[in-house]
Amino acid sequence: MARQIRPFRGPDGTNWGVEVQVPGASNAMIVFHHPGGKTARLDRYAWDIWSGPESRSVTSRVAPEKVMQSLTEEKLALLFRRSMPVSNDLSRVNGKA
């Protein structure tokens, strides 16, 4: 199955690729892929809360296509503002990497 990625222009003008990953019954991870593409170090992610009929059953899974269709530009902008880096360059506990 091919990955479904749609474009999103960030507030600073960067063109990100948006992908839906790990969909559950009531949420899905929205990944913002940095255009550099050589590393995931600059990618970002946020959780989207799903409120469709699938959210009422713990054994259901929402289809990634349904989540992608529900993502408006306004919702993507909100998720991007709330997003976190996939990876960071901070050292681990006690300064050891």
Protein backbone atom coordinates (compact mmCIF):
# COMPACT_ATOMS: atom_id res chain seq x y z
CA MET A 1 0.00 0.00 0.00
CA ALA A 2 1.42 3.35 -1.02
CA ARG A 3 1.76 6.11 1.54
CA GLN A 4 -0.71 8.94 1.14
CA ILE A 5 1.06 12.26 1.69
CA ARG A 6 -0.49 15.65 1.14
CA PRO A 7 1.23 19.04 1.10
CA PHE A 8 1.03 21.63 3.86
CA ARG A 9 2.69 25.04 3.90
CA GLY A 10 3.92 25.94 7.38
CA PRO A 11 3.73 29.42 8.87
CA ASP A 12 7.35 30.09 7.87
CA GLY A 13 6.71 29.05 4.24
CA THR A 14 8.23 25.57 4.53
CA ASN A 15 6.41 22.94 2.45
CA TRP A 16 5.78 19.91 4.66
CA GLY A 17 4.39 16.53 3.66
CA VAL A 18 1.52 15.35 5.89
CA GLU A 19 0.91 11.66 6.55
CA VAL A 20 -1.51 9.78 8.83
CA GLN A 21 0.19 7.02 10.83
CA VAL A 22 -0.83 4.58 13.60
CA PRO A 23 -4.58 5.13 13.46
CA GLY A 24 -6.45 3.83 16.48
CA ALA A 25 -10.11 3.77 17.45
CA SER A 26 -10.11 7.34 18.75
CA ASN A 27 -6.91 8.98 17.52
CA ALA A 28 -4.25 9.01 14.82
CA MET A 29 -0.70 10.32 14.63
CA ILE A 30 -0.29 13.11 12.09
CA VAL A 31 3.32 13.29 10.88
CA PHE A 32 4.72 16.42 9.24
CA HIS A 33 7.65 15.31 7.05
CA HIS A 34 10.34 17.95 6.58
CA PRO A 35 11.12 18.63 2.90
CA GLY A 36 14.84 17.83 3.43
CA GLY A 37 13.89 14.17 3.28
CA LYS A 38 17.32 12.79 4.19
CA THR A 39 16.53 12.40 7.88
CA ALA A 40 13.52 12.23 10.17
CA ARG A 41 15.34 14.48 12.64
CA LEU A 42 13.37 17.54 11.50
CA ASP A 43 10.00 15.81 11.18
CA ARG A 44 7.20 16.72 13.59
CA TYR A 45 4.12 14.92 14.87
CA ALA A 46 0.80 15.63 16.58
CA TRP A 47 -2.16 13.53 17.69
CA ASP A 48 -5.57 14.06 16.10
CA ILE A 49 -8.56 12.99 18.19
CA TRP A 50 -11.17 11.11 16.16
CA SER A 51 -14.83 11.32 17.16
CA GLY A 52 -16.45 9.16 14.48
CA PRO A 53 -18.35 5.92 15.13
CA GLU A 54 -15.08 3.96 15.33
CA SER A 55 -14.19 5.85 18.52
CA ARG A 56 -16.93 4.05 20.44
CA SER A 57 -15.34 0.62 20.02
CA VAL A 58 -11.85 -0.25 21.27
CA THR A 59 -11.54 -2.98 18.62
CA SER A 60 -12.22 -0.59 15.71
CA ARG A 61 -9.61 1.25 13.74
CA VAL A 62 -10.28 4.41 11.80
CA ALA A 63 -9.10 4.27 8.19
CA PRO A 64 -6.14 6.58 7.51
CA GLU A 65 -7.97 7.82 4.40
CA LYS A 66 -10.91 9.01 6.53
CA VAL A 67 -8.58 10.92 8.84
CA MET A 68 -6.75 12.47 5.87
CA GLN A 69 -10.07 13.59 4.35
CA SER A 70 -11.06 15.25 7.63
CA LEU A 71 -7.89 17.36 7.79
CA THR A 72 -8.76 20.87 6.64
CA GLU A 73 -6.10 23.55 6.23
CA GLU A 74 -7.27 25.14 9.48
CA LYS A 75 -7.05 21.83 11.36
CA LEU A 76 -3.59 21.15 9.92
CA ALA A 77 -2.43 24.61 11.01
CA LEU A 78 -3.68 23.92 14.54
CA LEU A 79 -2.04 20.48 14.64
CA PHE A 80 1.22 21.95 13.33
CA ARG A 81 1.22 24.60 16.07
CA ARG A 82 0.74 21.83 18.64
CA SER A 83 3.23 19.44 17.03
CA MET A 84 6.43 18.15 18.62
CA PRO A 85 9.73 17.08 17.07
CA VAL A 86 9.99 13.38 16.24
CA SER A 87 13.58 13.52 17.41
CA ASN A 88 15.62 16.03 19.35
CA ASP A 89 19.28 16.65 19.94
CA LEU A 90 19.04 16.99 23.71
CA SER A 91 21.24 14.62 25.63
CA ARG A 92 19.75 11.89 27.79
CA VAL A 93 19.52 11.85 31.58
CA ASN A 94 22.76 12.75 33.38
CA GLY A 95 24.23 14.21 30.19
CA LYS A 96 24.95 10.81 28.61
CA ALA A 97 23.87 10.10 25.09
